[in-house]
Amino acid sequence: MKEEIIGLEADFANNEYFGTNVWTEEKFRVLSGNVPVLLSAPHAVNQFREDDVRKAEKYTGALARYLSRATNSYAIFQLFTHADPNVDADHNYKSAVINLIESYGIKLLIDIHSSTFSDDTDIDIVTNNRESLCGYDSLIDKFKLLGIRYNVTIDEKNVPNKDKENEIIGISSLICGIPSMRLVINNKRLDVLKDEASFIKICKVLEEFIKFFSNK
């Protein structure tokens, strides 16, 4: 799997994670599917936050691409650096997310992120205190059961951001009325070069979760 993931990451890793050809008009890319789940990777490349550059969350783009192909889900991801879609009130990435949900009958959004963790947690689920689940709280129970099966530690400790209404999971749940979750993955577990086994386990949890949802 290592070589496959590195290949899927190549477009994002270009130009020190400023992404693919900066002159293109294609700011993000969409992958089609026939399963009503949308995978999102808005921080697959570096982003601008006012005058600062926020570093990319490496391998989140490759993970979204891999899962889209493995489960036949839809996917959307950033291709090169511009404003952060999880912060700016108006953003073409979020508009595209809404359009995809409404056009293709998407029933679940999974927004993929990574971060440095202070403990050994593998995945932290953010749902703005379960507001963005739109009443589908049982999805968390299923996700945690899959974590136990594959020895992946899953928590719900991540607190909502200050401007949660601007976040992708906030927009998709409030405007489109579908359950939406942000998965913050321990970036050590996504480093496929150093820990391929953990990357594979996380893939298995997500693949089974998407298949469970699509068969409901």
N, C-alpha and C. Protein backbone atom coordinates (compact mmCIF):
# COMPACT_ATOMS: atom_id res chain seq x y z
N MET A 1 0.82 -1.22 0.00
CA MET A 1 0.00 0.00 0.00
C MET A 1 0.86 1.26 0.00
N LYS A 2 2.04 1.21 0.59
CA LYS A 2 2.88 2.39 0.74
C LYS A 2 3.10 3.12 -0.59
N GLU A 3 3.47 2.37 -1.61
CA GLU A 3 3.77 2.97 -2.91
C GLU A 3 2.52 3.60 -3.52
N GLU A 4 1.38 2.94 -3.34
CA GLU A 4 0.12 3.46 -3.88
C GLU A 4 -0.23 4.80 -3.23
N ILE A 5 -0.11 4.89 -1.92
CA ILE A 5 -0.45 6.11 -1.21
C ILE A 5 0.50 7.25 -1.57
N ILE A 6 1.78 6.95 -1.68
CA ILE A 6 2.75 7.97 -2.08
C ILE A 6 2.41 8.51 -3.46
N GLY A 7 1.99 7.62 -4.36
CA GLY A 7 1.57 8.06 -5.69
C GLY A 7 0.34 8.95 -5.64
N LEU A 8 -0.62 8.62 -4.80
CA LEU A 8 -1.84 9.42 -4.66
C LEU A 8 -1.56 10.77 -4.00
N GLU A 9 -0.47 10.85 -3.25
CA GLU A 9 -0.12 12.09 -2.54
C GLU A 9 0.67 13.05 -3.43
N ALA A 10 1.16 12.57 -4.57
CA ALA A 10 2.13 13.34 -5.36
C ALA A 10 1.61 14.71 -5.79
N ASP A 11 0.36 14.80 -6.24
CA ASP A 11 -0.19 16.09 -6.68
C ASP A 11 -0.18 17.12 -5.56
N PHE A 12 -0.45 16.68 -4.34
CA PHE A 12 -0.49 17.59 -3.20
C PHE A 12 0.92 18.00 -2.76
N ALA A 13 1.85 17.05 -2.83
CA ALA A 13 3.22 17.29 -2.35
C ALA A 13 4.03 18.19 -3.27
N ASN A 14 3.55 18.44 -4.49
CA ASN A 14 4.27 19.30 -5.43
C ASN A 14 4.59 20.66 -4.80
N ASN A 15 5.72 21.22 -5.17
CA ASN A 15 6.09 22.58 -4.74
C ASN A 15 6.03 22.74 -3.22
N GLU A 16 6.54 21.73 -2.51
CA GLU A 16 6.58 21.75 -1.04
C GLU A 16 5.18 21.95 -0.45
N TYR A 17 4.24 21.21 -0.99
CA TYR A 17 2.84 21.19 -0.55
C TYR A 17 2.08 22.48 -0.84
N PHE A 18 2.57 23.24 -1.81
CA PHE A 18 1.73 24.30 -2.35
C PHE A 18 0.86 23.73 -3.48
N GLY A 19 1.07 22.46 -3.77
CA GLY A 19 0.16 21.75 -4.65
C GLY A 19 0.55 21.72 -6.10
N THR A 20 -0.39 21.24 -6.90
CA THR A 20 -0.15 21.09 -8.33
C THR A 20 -0.01 22.46 -9.00
N ASN A 21 0.30 22.49 -10.26
CA ASN A 21 0.60 23.71 -11.02
C ASN A 21 -0.19 24.93 -10.54
N VAL A 22 0.51 25.90 -9.98
CA VAL A 22 -0.16 27.07 -9.38
C VAL A 22 -0.86 27.95 -10.40
N TRP A 23 -0.60 27.73 -11.68
CA TRP A 23 -1.23 28.58 -12.71
C TRP A 23 -2.57 28.04 -13.16
N THR A 24 -2.92 26.85 -12.74
CA THR A 24 -4.19 26.29 -13.19
C THR A 24 -5.37 26.98 -12.50
N GLU A 25 -6.51 26.98 -13.14
CA GLU A 25 -7.73 27.52 -12.54
C GLU A 25 -8.42 26.49 -11.67
N GLU A 26 -7.95 25.25 -11.71
CA GLU A 26 -8.58 24.17 -10.95
C GLU A 26 -8.09 24.20 -9.51
N LYS A 27 -8.90 24.80 -8.64
CA LYS A 27 -8.48 24.96 -7.25
C LYS A 27 -8.76 23.72 -6.41
N PHE A 28 -9.72 22.94 -6.83
CA PHE A 28 -10.02 21.68 -6.13
C PHE A 28 -10.45 20.67 -7.18
N ARG A 29 -10.54 19.43 -6.77
CA ARG A 29 -10.94 18.37 -7.70
C ARG A 29 -12.02 17.53 -7.06
N VAL A 30 -12.92 17.02 -7.88
CA VAL A 30 -14.02 16.18 -7.43
C VAL A 30 -13.90 14.81 -8.08
N LEU A 31 -14.08 13.75 -7.28
CA LEU A 31 -14.14 12.39 -7.80
C LEU A 31 -15.58 11.89 -7.66
N SER A 32 -16.11 11.33 -8.70
CA SER A 32 -17.49 10.86 -8.67
C SER A 32 -17.57 9.44 -8.13
N GLY A 33 -18.77 9.05 -7.73
CA GLY A 33 -18.99 7.71 -7.21
C GLY A 33 -20.45 7.33 -7.37
N ASN A 34 -20.86 6.24 -6.74
CA ASN A 34 -22.29 5.91 -6.72
C ASN A 34 -22.77 5.53 -5.33
N VAL A 35 -21.93 5.78 -4.32
CA VAL A 35 -22.29 5.60 -2.92
C VAL A 35 -22.53 7.01 -2.34
N PRO A 36 -23.62 7.24 -1.62
CA PRO A 36 -23.99 8.61 -1.20
C PRO A 36 -23.20 9.13 0.00
N VAL A 37 -21.87 9.02 -0.09
CA VAL A 37 -20.97 9.52 0.94
C VAL A 37 -19.97 10.44 0.26
N LEU A 38 -19.74 11.62 0.87
CA LEU A 38 -18.77 12.57 0.32
C LEU A 38 -17.59 12.69 1.27
N LEU A 39 -16.40 12.38 0.77
CA LEU A 39 -15.15 12.53 1.51
C LEU A 39 -14.55 13.88 1.15
N SER A 40 -14.08 14.60 2.16
CA SER A 40 -13.52 15.93 1.93
C SER A 40 -12.14 16.02 2.55
N ALA A 41 -11.20 16.63 1.81
CA ALA A 41 -9.84 16.84 2.33
C ALA A 41 -9.42 18.27 1.99
N PRO A 42 -9.92 19.25 2.75
CA PRO A 42 -9.66 20.66 2.42
C PRO A 42 -8.26 21.15 2.77
N HIS A 43 -7.54 20.40 3.60
CA HIS A 43 -6.20 20.82 4.01
C HIS A 43 -5.12 19.90 3.44
N ALA A 44 -5.40 19.32 2.28
CA ALA A 44 -4.43 18.42 1.65
C ALA A 44 -3.17 19.15 1.19
N VAL A 45 -3.29 20.47 0.98
CA VAL A 45 -2.13 21.32 0.66
C VAL A 45 -2.08 22.46 1.66
N ASN A 46 -1.02 23.26 1.60
CA ASN A 46 -0.94 24.44 2.47
C ASN A 46 -2.12 25.37 2.22
N GLN A 47 -2.49 26.16 3.24
CA GLN A 47 -3.57 27.13 3.07
C GLN A 47 -3.12 28.50 3.58
N PHE A 48 -3.74 29.54 3.02
CA PHE A 48 -3.51 30.90 3.51
C PHE A 48 -4.54 31.22 4.59
N ARG A 49 -4.06 31.73 5.72
CA ARG A 49 -4.93 32.30 6.74
C ARG A 49 -4.45 33.73 6.97
N GLU A 50 -5.17 34.67 6.34
CA GLU A 50 -4.75 36.07 6.29
C GLU A 50 -3.35 36.12 5.67
N ASP A 51 -2.35 36.59 6.42
CA ASP A 51 -1.00 36.72 5.85
C ASP A 51 -0.11 35.53 6.16
N ASP A 52 -0.66 34.53 6.83
CA ASP A 52 0.12 33.37 7.22
C ASP A 52 -0.15 32.18 6.31
N VAL A 53 0.82 31.29 6.25
CA VAL A 53 0.65 30.04 5.52
C VAL A 53 0.53 28.91 6.55
N ARG A 54 -0.58 28.20 6.51
CA ARG A 54 -0.78 27.06 7.41
C ARG A 54 -0.36 25.79 6.68
N LYS A 55 0.46 24.99 7.31
CA LYS A 55 1.02 23.83 6.62
C LYS A 55 -0.03 22.76 6.33
N ALA A 56 0.19 22.05 5.25
CA ALA A 56 -0.72 20.99 4.81
C ALA A 56 -0.81 19.88 5.85
N GLU A 57 -1.94 19.22 5.86
CA GLU A 57 -2.13 18.03 6.68
C GLU A 57 -1.85 16.83 5.78
N LYS A 58 -0.60 16.41 5.80
CA LYS A 58 -0.08 15.45 4.83
C LYS A 58 -0.84 14.12 4.86
N TYR A 59 -1.03 13.58 3.69
CA TYR A 59 -1.66 12.29 3.43
C TYR A 59 -3.19 12.30 3.62
N THR A 60 -3.77 13.43 4.01
CA THR A 60 -5.24 13.46 4.07
C THR A 60 -5.84 13.43 2.67
N GLY A 61 -5.17 14.08 1.72
CA GLY A 61 -5.64 14.03 0.34
C GLY A 61 -5.52 12.64 -0.26
N ALA A 62 -4.38 12.00 -0.02
CA ALA A 62 -4.18 10.64 -0.52
C ALA A 62 -5.18 9.68 0.11
N LEU A 63 -5.48 9.86 1.39
CA LEU A 63 -6.46 9.00 2.06
C LEU A 63 -7.84 9.17 1.44
N ALA A 64 -8.25 10.41 1.18
CA ALA A 64 -9.55 10.65 0.55
C ALA A 64 -9.61 10.01 -0.83
N ARG A 65 -8.55 10.13 -1.60
CA ARG A 65 -8.51 9.53 -2.93
C ARG A 65 -8.60 8.00 -2.85
N TYR A 66 -7.84 7.43 -1.93
CA TYR A 66 -7.83 5.98 -1.78
C TYR A 66 -9.22 5.47 -1.38
N LEU A 67 -9.82 6.10 -0.38
CA LEU A 67 -11.13 5.65 0.10
C LEU A 67 -12.22 5.83 -0.95
N SER A 68 -12.13 6.89 -1.72
CA SER A 68 -13.10 7.11 -2.79
C SER A 68 -13.08 5.94 -3.77
N ARG A 69 -11.88 5.52 -4.14
CA ARG A 69 -11.75 4.41 -5.08
C ARG A 69 -12.14 3.08 -4.44
N ALA A 70 -11.79 2.89 -3.16
CA ALA A 70 -12.05 1.61 -2.50
C ALA A 70 -13.53 1.40 -2.21
N THR A 71 -14.27 2.49 -1.98
CA THR A 71 -15.68 2.37 -1.58
C THR A 71 -16.66 2.92 -2.61
N ASN A 72 -16.14 3.51 -3.68
CA ASN A 72 -16.96 4.14 -4.72
C ASN A 72 -17.74 5.33 -4.17
N SER A 73 -17.15 6.02 -3.20
CA SER A 73 -17.72 7.25 -2.65
C SER A 73 -17.29 8.45 -3.49
N TYR A 74 -17.99 9.56 -3.29
CA TYR A 74 -17.57 10.82 -3.88
C TYR A 74 -16.44 11.41 -3.03
N ALA A 75 -15.63 12.29 -3.65
CA ALA A 75 -14.57 12.95 -2.89
C ALA A 75 -14.33 14.34 -3.46
N ILE A 76 -13.88 15.24 -2.59
CA ILE A 76 -13.45 16.58 -2.99
C ILE A 76 -12.21 16.93 -2.18
N PHE A 77 -11.23 17.55 -2.83
CA PHE A 77 -10.00 17.90 -2.11
C PHE A 77 -9.33 19.10 -2.77
N GLN A 78 -8.60 19.87 -1.95
CA GLN A 78 -7.85 21.01 -2.44
C GLN A 78 -6.66 20.54 -3.28
N LEU A 79 -6.36 21.30 -4.33
CA LEU A 79 -5.24 20.94 -5.20
C LEU A 79 -4.05 21.88 -5.08
N PHE A 80 -4.31 23.17 -4.79
CA PHE A 80 -3.19 24.06 -4.54
C PHE A 80 -3.61 25.16 -3.57
N THR A 81 -2.63 25.87 -3.07
CA THR A 81 -2.82 26.74 -1.93
C THR A 81 -3.65 27.98 -2.24
N HIS A 82 -4.70 28.19 -1.46
CA HIS A 82 -5.41 29.47 -1.41
C HIS A 82 -6.09 29.53 -0.06
N ALA A 83 -7.14 30.33 0.11
CA ALA A 83 -7.74 30.54 1.43
C ALA A 83 -8.26 29.23 2.03
N ASP A 84 -8.29 29.19 3.35
CA ASP A 84 -8.72 28.00 4.08
C ASP A 84 -10.24 27.88 4.06
N PRO A 85 -10.79 26.84 3.43
CA PRO A 85 -12.25 26.71 3.34
C PRO A 85 -12.93 26.41 4.67
N ASN A 86 -12.17 26.01 5.68
CA ASN A 86 -12.78 25.73 6.97
C ASN A 86 -12.84 26.96 7.87
N VAL A 87 -12.33 28.10 7.34
CA VAL A 87 -12.29 29.34 8.12
C VAL A 87 -13.06 30.46 7.44
N ASP A 88 -12.81 30.69 6.14
CA ASP A 88 -13.45 31.79 5.42
C ASP A 88 -14.96 31.58 5.33
N ALA A 89 -15.71 32.68 5.54
CA ALA A 89 -17.17 32.60 5.48
C ALA A 89 -17.65 32.23 4.08
N ASP A 90 -17.07 32.82 3.06
CA ASP A 90 -17.44 32.53 1.67
C ASP A 90 -16.26 31.83 1.01
N HIS A 91 -16.54 30.68 0.43
CA HIS A 91 -15.44 29.93 -0.17
C HIS A 91 -15.99 29.01 -1.24
N ASN A 92 -15.33 28.97 -2.41
CA ASN A 92 -15.84 28.16 -3.51
C ASN A 92 -15.81 26.67 -3.20
N TYR A 93 -14.89 26.25 -2.33
CA TYR A 93 -14.84 24.83 -1.94
C TYR A 93 -16.13 24.44 -1.22
N LYS A 94 -16.56 25.27 -0.27
CA LYS A 94 -17.79 24.97 0.47
C LYS A 94 -19.01 25.03 -0.45
N SER A 95 -19.01 25.97 -1.39
CA SER A 95 -20.10 26.03 -2.36
C SER A 95 -20.16 24.74 -3.18
N ALA A 96 -18.98 24.22 -3.53
CA ALA A 96 -18.94 22.97 -4.29
C ALA A 96 -19.45 21.81 -3.46
N VAL A 97 -19.13 21.80 -2.16
CA VAL A 97 -19.63 20.75 -1.27
C VAL A 97 -21.14 20.75 -1.25
N ILE A 98 -21.74 21.93 -1.08
CA ILE A 98 -23.21 22.04 -1.06
C ILE A 98 -23.80 21.57 -2.38
N ASN A 99 -23.18 21.98 -3.49
CA ASN A 99 -23.68 21.57 -4.81
C ASN A 99 -23.61 20.07 -5.01
N LEU A 100 -22.52 19.45 -4.57
CA LEU A 100 -22.40 17.99 -4.69
C LEU A 100 -23.46 17.27 -3.87
N ILE A 101 -23.67 17.72 -2.64
CA ILE A 101 -24.67 17.09 -1.77
C ILE A 101 -26.06 17.17 -2.39
N GLU A 102 -26.40 18.35 -2.88
CA GLU A 102 -27.74 18.55 -3.43
C GLU A 102 -27.92 17.88 -4.79
N SER A 103 -26.86 17.84 -5.58
CA SER A 103 -26.97 17.30 -6.94
C SER A 103 -26.97 15.78 -6.98
N TYR A 104 -26.26 15.15 -6.04
CA TYR A 104 -26.08 13.70 -6.11
C TYR A 104 -26.69 12.95 -4.93
N GLY A 105 -27.50 13.62 -4.14
CA GLY A 105 -28.19 12.94 -3.06
C GLY A 105 -27.25 12.39 -2.00
N ILE A 106 -26.19 13.12 -1.70
CA ILE A 106 -25.23 12.70 -0.67
C ILE A 106 -25.94 12.64 0.68
N LYS A 107 -25.67 11.58 1.45
CA LYS A 107 -26.35 11.38 2.74
C LYS A 107 -25.40 11.50 3.94
N LEU A 108 -24.09 11.54 3.70
CA LEU A 108 -23.12 11.62 4.79
C LEU A 108 -21.87 12.32 4.29
N LEU A 109 -21.35 13.26 5.10
CA LEU A 109 -20.10 13.93 4.77
C LEU A 109 -19.04 13.57 5.82
N ILE A 110 -17.86 13.17 5.34
CA ILE A 110 -16.73 12.87 6.21
C ILE A 110 -15.59 13.81 5.82
N ASP A 111 -15.26 14.74 6.71
CA ASP A 111 -14.24 15.75 6.46
C ASP A 111 -12.95 15.27 7.13
N ILE A 112 -11.91 15.00 6.34
CA ILE A 112 -10.70 14.35 6.82
C ILE A 112 -9.60 15.37 7.12
N HIS A 113 -9.07 15.29 8.35
CA HIS A 113 -8.01 16.19 8.80
C HIS A 113 -6.96 15.41 9.57
N SER A 114 -5.85 16.07 9.91
CA SER A 114 -4.87 15.46 10.79
C SER A 114 -4.31 16.53 11.72
N SER A 115 -3.69 16.08 12.81
CA SER A 115 -3.11 17.00 13.77
C SER A 115 -2.09 16.25 14.62
N THR A 116 -1.31 17.02 15.37
CA THR A 116 -0.40 16.44 16.35
C THR A 116 -1.18 16.17 17.63
N PHE A 117 -1.09 14.96 18.15
CA PHE A 117 -1.83 14.58 19.35
C PHE A 117 -0.89 14.51 20.55
N SER A 118 -1.42 14.85 21.71
CA SER A 118 -0.63 14.79 22.94
C SER A 118 -0.68 13.41 23.60
N ASP A 119 -1.55 12.53 23.06
CA ASP A 119 -1.65 11.17 23.60
C ASP A 119 -1.60 10.18 22.45
N ASP A 120 -2.00 8.95 22.71
CA ASP A 120 -1.92 7.91 21.68
C ASP A 120 -3.22 7.69 20.94
N THR A 121 -4.16 8.62 21.05
CA THR A 121 -5.40 8.52 20.30
C THR A 121 -5.09 8.48 18.80
N ASP A 122 -5.83 7.65 18.08
CA ASP A 122 -5.63 7.55 16.63
C ASP A 122 -6.54 8.51 15.86
N ILE A 123 -7.81 8.57 16.25
CA ILE A 123 -8.78 9.42 15.56
C ILE A 123 -9.63 10.15 16.59
N ASP A 124 -9.81 11.45 16.39
CA ASP A 124 -10.72 12.24 17.22
C ASP A 124 -11.87 12.70 16.33
N ILE A 125 -13.10 12.42 16.75
CA ILE A 125 -14.28 12.76 15.96
C ILE A 125 -14.82 14.11 16.43
N VAL A 126 -15.03 15.03 15.49
CA VAL A 126 -15.61 16.34 15.79
C VAL A 126 -16.99 16.44 15.14
N THR A 127 -17.99 16.70 15.96
CA THR A 127 -19.36 16.85 15.45
C THR A 127 -20.04 18.05 16.11
N ASN A 128 -19.22 19.00 16.64
CA ASN A 128 -19.76 20.16 17.34
C ASN A 128 -20.77 19.74 18.40
N ASN A 129 -20.27 18.90 19.31
CA ASN A 129 -21.11 18.34 20.38
C ASN A 129 -22.32 17.60 19.82
N ARG A 130 -22.07 16.89 18.71
CA ARG A 130 -23.05 16.04 18.02
C ARG A 130 -24.15 16.82 17.29
N GLU A 131 -24.04 18.14 17.24
CA GLU A 131 -25.02 18.94 16.49
C GLU A 131 -24.99 18.58 15.00
N SER A 132 -23.79 18.36 14.47
CA SER A 132 -23.68 18.13 13.02
C SER A 132 -24.09 16.72 12.61
N LEU A 133 -24.47 15.87 13.57
CA LEU A 133 -24.92 14.52 13.23
C LEU A 133 -26.39 14.50 12.82
N CYS A 134 -27.09 15.60 13.05
CA CYS A 134 -28.50 15.71 12.65
C CYS A 134 -29.34 14.56 13.21
N GLY A 135 -29.04 14.16 14.44
CA GLY A 135 -29.81 13.11 15.09
C GLY A 135 -29.30 11.71 14.87
N TYR A 136 -28.30 11.54 14.03
CA TYR A 136 -27.77 10.20 13.73
C TYR A 136 -26.61 9.87 14.68
N ASP A 137 -26.86 9.98 15.98
CA ASP A 137 -25.80 9.74 16.97
C ASP A 137 -25.28 8.30 16.93
N SER A 138 -26.09 7.37 16.45
CA SER A 138 -25.68 5.97 16.41
C SER A 138 -24.47 5.74 15.48
N LEU A 139 -24.21 6.70 14.58
CA LEU A 139 -23.04 6.57 13.71
C LEU A 139 -21.75 6.56 14.52
N ILE A 140 -21.73 7.32 15.61
CA ILE A 140 -20.54 7.35 16.46
C ILE A 140 -20.32 5.99 17.11
N ASP A 141 -21.41 5.38 17.56
CA ASP A 141 -21.30 4.06 18.20
C ASP A 141 -20.73 3.04 17.23
N LYS A 142 -21.20 3.06 16.00
CA LYS A 142 -20.69 2.13 14.99
C LYS A 142 -19.22 2.39 14.70
N PHE A 143 -18.85 3.65 14.59
CA PHE A 143 -17.46 3.99 14.29
C PHE A 143 -16.54 3.50 15.40
N LYS A 144 -16.97 3.68 16.66
CA LYS A 144 -16.15 3.24 17.78
C LYS A 144 -16.04 1.72 17.86
N LEU A 145 -17.10 1.02 17.48
CA LEU A 145 -17.04 -0.44 17.45
C LEU A 145 -16.03 -0.93 16.42
N LEU A 146 -16.00 -0.26 15.28
CA LEU A 146 -15.02 -0.62 14.26
C LEU A 146 -13.60 -0.32 14.74
N GLY A 147 -13.47 0.75 15.52
CA GLY A 147 -12.17 1.05 16.10
C GLY A 147 -11.69 -0.06 17.01
N ILE A 148 -12.59 -0.60 17.82
CA ILE A 148 -12.23 -1.71 18.70
C ILE A 148 -11.82 -2.93 17.88
N ARG A 149 -12.56 -3.20 16.81
CA ARG A 149 -12.27 -4.36 15.98
C ARG A 149 -10.86 -4.30 15.40
N TYR A 150 -10.45 -3.11 14.98
CA TYR A 150 -9.15 -2.97 14.31
C TYR A 150 -8.07 -2.35 15.21
N ASN A 151 -8.35 -2.26 16.50
CA ASN A 151 -7.38 -1.73 17.46
C ASN A 151 -6.98 -0.30 17.10
N VAL A 152 -7.99 0.52 16.76
CA VAL A 152 -7.80 1.94 16.47
C VAL A 152 -8.50 2.72 17.58
N THR A 153 -7.78 3.57 18.29
CA THR A 153 -8.33 4.32 19.41
C THR A 153 -9.08 5.54 18.92
N ILE A 154 -10.36 5.64 19.30
CA ILE A 154 -11.23 6.72 18.80
C ILE A 154 -11.82 7.48 19.98
N ASP A 155 -11.72 8.82 19.92
CA ASP A 155 -12.24 9.69 20.97
C ASP A 155 -13.17 10.75 20.37
N GLU A 156 -13.82 11.51 21.26
CA GLU A 156 -14.63 12.67 20.86
C GLU A 156 -14.22 13.88 21.71
N LYS A 157 -12.95 14.12 21.84
CA LYS A 157 -12.46 15.18 22.72
C LYS A 157 -12.34 16.54 22.04
N ASN A 158 -12.25 16.55 20.74
CA ASN A 158 -11.99 17.79 20.02
C ASN A 158 -13.15 18.76 20.17
N VAL A 159 -12.88 19.96 20.64
CA VAL A 159 -13.94 20.94 20.88
C VAL A 159 -14.25 21.71 19.60
N PRO A 160 -15.49 22.21 19.47
CA PRO A 160 -15.84 22.98 18.27
C PRO A 160 -15.00 24.25 18.15
N ASN A 161 -14.75 24.67 16.93
CA ASN A 161 -14.05 25.92 16.70
C ASN A 161 -14.97 27.10 17.01
N LYS A 162 -14.37 28.28 17.18
CA LYS A 162 -15.14 29.47 17.53
C LYS A 162 -16.20 29.80 16.49
N ASP A 163 -15.80 29.78 15.21
CA ASP A 163 -16.73 30.09 14.12
C ASP A 163 -17.19 28.81 13.45
N LYS A 164 -17.85 27.97 14.21
CA LYS A 164 -18.21 26.65 13.69
C LYS A 164 -19.19 26.71 12.52
N GLU A 165 -19.94 27.83 12.42
CA GLU A 165 -20.90 27.94 11.31
C GLU A 165 -20.19 28.08 9.96
N ASN A 166 -18.90 28.44 9.97
CA ASN A 166 -18.14 28.56 8.73
C ASN A 166 -17.46 27.25 8.33
N GLU A 167 -17.48 26.28 9.21
CA GLU A 167 -16.80 25.03 8.92
C GLU A 167 -17.59 24.18 7.92
N ILE A 168 -16.88 23.30 7.27
CA ILE A 168 -17.52 22.44 6.27
C ILE A 168 -18.60 21.58 6.90
N ILE A 169 -18.33 20.98 8.07
CA ILE A 169 -19.37 20.13 8.69
C ILE A 169 -20.55 20.97 9.17
N GLY A 170 -20.30 22.24 9.52
CA GLY A 170 -21.40 23.11 9.91
C GLY A 170 -22.29 23.46 8.74
N ILE A 171 -21.66 23.79 7.61
CA ILE A 171 -22.42 24.13 6.40
C ILE A 171 -23.22 22.94 5.90
N SER A 172 -22.59 21.78 5.81
CA SER A 172 -23.27 20.61 5.24
C SER A 172 -24.42 20.12 6.11
N SER A 173 -24.26 20.24 7.43
CA SER A 173 -25.34 19.79 8.33
C SER A 173 -26.46 20.82 8.43
N LEU A 174 -26.11 22.10 8.52
CA LEU A 174 -27.12 23.13 8.69
C LEU A 174 -27.90 23.41 7.41
N ILE A 175 -27.19 23.54 6.30
CA ILE A 175 -27.84 23.89 5.04
C ILE A 175 -28.44 22.68 4.35
N CYS A 176 -27.70 21.58 4.35
CA CYS A 176 -28.14 20.40 3.60
C CYS A 176 -28.84 19.36 4.48
N GLY A 177 -28.71 19.46 5.79
CA GLY A 177 -29.42 18.57 6.71
C GLY A 177 -28.93 17.14 6.71
N ILE A 178 -27.63 16.93 6.41
CA ILE A 178 -27.10 15.57 6.42
C ILE A 178 -26.09 15.42 7.56
N PRO A 179 -25.97 14.23 8.15
CA PRO A 179 -24.96 14.02 9.18
C PRO A 179 -23.56 14.26 8.62
N SER A 180 -22.77 14.99 9.42
CA SER A 180 -21.43 15.39 8.97
C SER A 180 -20.47 15.28 10.13
N MET A 181 -19.30 14.72 9.86
CA MET A 181 -18.30 14.57 10.92
C MET A 181 -16.92 14.93 10.40
N ARG A 182 -16.15 15.57 11.26
CA ARG A 182 -14.75 15.84 10.95
C ARG A 182 -13.91 14.82 11.69
N LEU A 183 -13.10 14.09 10.97
CA LEU A 183 -12.20 13.11 11.56
C LEU A 183 -10.80 13.71 11.62
N VAL A 184 -10.31 13.95 12.83
CA VAL A 184 -8.95 14.46 13.01
C VAL A 184 -8.08 13.26 13.36
N ILE A 185 -7.17 12.93 12.47
CA ILE A 185 -6.36 11.72 12.61
C ILE A 185 -4.97 12.10 13.11
N ASN A 186 -4.47 11.33 14.04
CA ASN A 186 -3.12 11.52 14.55
C ASN A 186 -2.12 11.47 13.39
N ASN A 187 -1.39 12.57 13.17
CA ASN A 187 -0.54 12.61 11.97
C ASN A 187 0.58 11.57 11.98
N LYS A 188 0.92 11.03 13.14
CA LYS A 188 1.89 9.94 13.18
C LYS A 188 1.33 8.69 12.52
N ARG A 189 0.03 8.49 12.64
CA ARG A 189 -0.62 7.30 12.06
C ARG A 189 -0.80 7.43 10.54
N LEU A 190 -0.75 8.67 10.05
CA LEU A 190 -0.89 8.88 8.61
C LEU A 190 0.44 8.87 7.87
N ASP A 191 1.53 8.84 8.61
CA ASP A 191 2.85 8.83 7.97
C ASP A 191 3.13 7.42 7.46
N VAL A 192 2.68 7.16 6.25
CA VAL A 192 2.74 5.81 5.70
C VAL A 192 4.18 5.33 5.52
N LEU A 193 5.14 6.25 5.42
CA LEU A 193 6.54 5.87 5.28
C LEU A 193 7.08 5.27 6.57
N LYS A 194 6.59 5.77 7.71
CA LYS A 194 7.11 5.32 9.01
C LYS A 194 6.21 4.29 9.68
N ASP A 195 4.92 4.30 9.35
CA ASP A 195 3.98 3.42 10.06
C ASP A 195 2.87 2.96 9.11
N GLU A 196 3.26 2.15 8.17
CA GLU A 196 2.29 1.66 7.18
C GLU A 196 1.18 0.85 7.83
N ALA A 197 1.49 0.10 8.88
CA ALA A 197 0.50 -0.76 9.53
C ALA A 197 -0.64 0.07 10.11
N SER A 198 -0.33 1.19 10.76
CA SER A 198 -1.38 2.05 11.33
C SER A 198 -2.23 2.67 10.23
N PHE A 199 -1.59 3.10 9.15
CA PHE A 199 -2.33 3.67 8.02
C PHE A 199 -3.34 2.65 7.48
N ILE A 200 -2.92 1.42 7.34
CA ILE A 200 -3.79 0.36 6.82
C ILE A 200 -4.98 0.13 7.76
N LYS A 201 -4.73 0.13 9.07
CA LYS A 201 -5.82 -0.07 10.04
C LYS A 201 -6.86 1.04 9.95
N ILE A 202 -6.39 2.27 9.81
CA ILE A 202 -7.31 3.40 9.70
C ILE A 202 -8.12 3.28 8.41
N CYS A 203 -7.49 2.87 7.34
CA CYS A 203 -8.21 2.65 6.08
C CYS A 203 -9.31 1.60 6.25
N LYS A 204 -9.01 0.53 6.96
CA LYS A 204 -9.99 -0.54 7.15
C LYS A 204 -11.19 -0.05 7.95
N VAL A 205 -10.95 0.73 9.01
CA VAL A 205 -12.05 1.28 9.80
C VAL A 205 -12.96 2.15 8.91
N LEU A 206 -12.34 3.03 8.14
CA LEU A 206 -13.13 3.95 7.31
C LEU A 206 -13.84 3.22 6.18
N GLU A 207 -13.18 2.26 5.57
CA GLU A 207 -13.83 1.50 4.50
C GLU A 207 -15.06 0.77 5.02
N GLU A 208 -14.93 0.12 6.16
CA GLU A 208 -16.07 -0.63 6.71
C GLU A 208 -17.18 0.31 7.16
N PHE A 209 -16.80 1.47 7.71
CA PHE A 209 -17.81 2.44 8.14
C PHE A 209 -18.61 2.94 6.95
N ILE A 210 -17.95 3.26 5.87
CA ILE A 210 -18.64 3.76 4.66
C ILE A 210 -19.53 2.67 4.07
N LYS A 211 -19.04 1.43 4.04
CA LYS A 211 -19.85 0.34 3.51
C LYS A 211 -21.07 0.07 4.40
N PHE A 212 -20.87 0.17 5.72
CA PHE A 212 -21.99 0.01 6.65
C PHE A 212 -23.05 1.08 6.37
N PHE A 213 -22.62 2.32 6.22
CA PHE A 213 -23.59 3.40 6.00
C PHE A 213 -24.31 3.25 4.67
N SER A 214 -23.58 2.88 3.64
CA SER A 214 -24.19 2.77 2.31
C SER A 214 -25.16 1.60 2.21
N ASN A 215 -25.04 0.64 3.12
CA ASN A 215 -25.93 -0.54 3.10
C ASN A 215 -27.12 -0.40 4.04
N LYS A 216 -27.19 0.74 4.75
CA LYS A 216 -28.29 0.94 5.71
C LYS A 216 -29.63 1.07 4.99
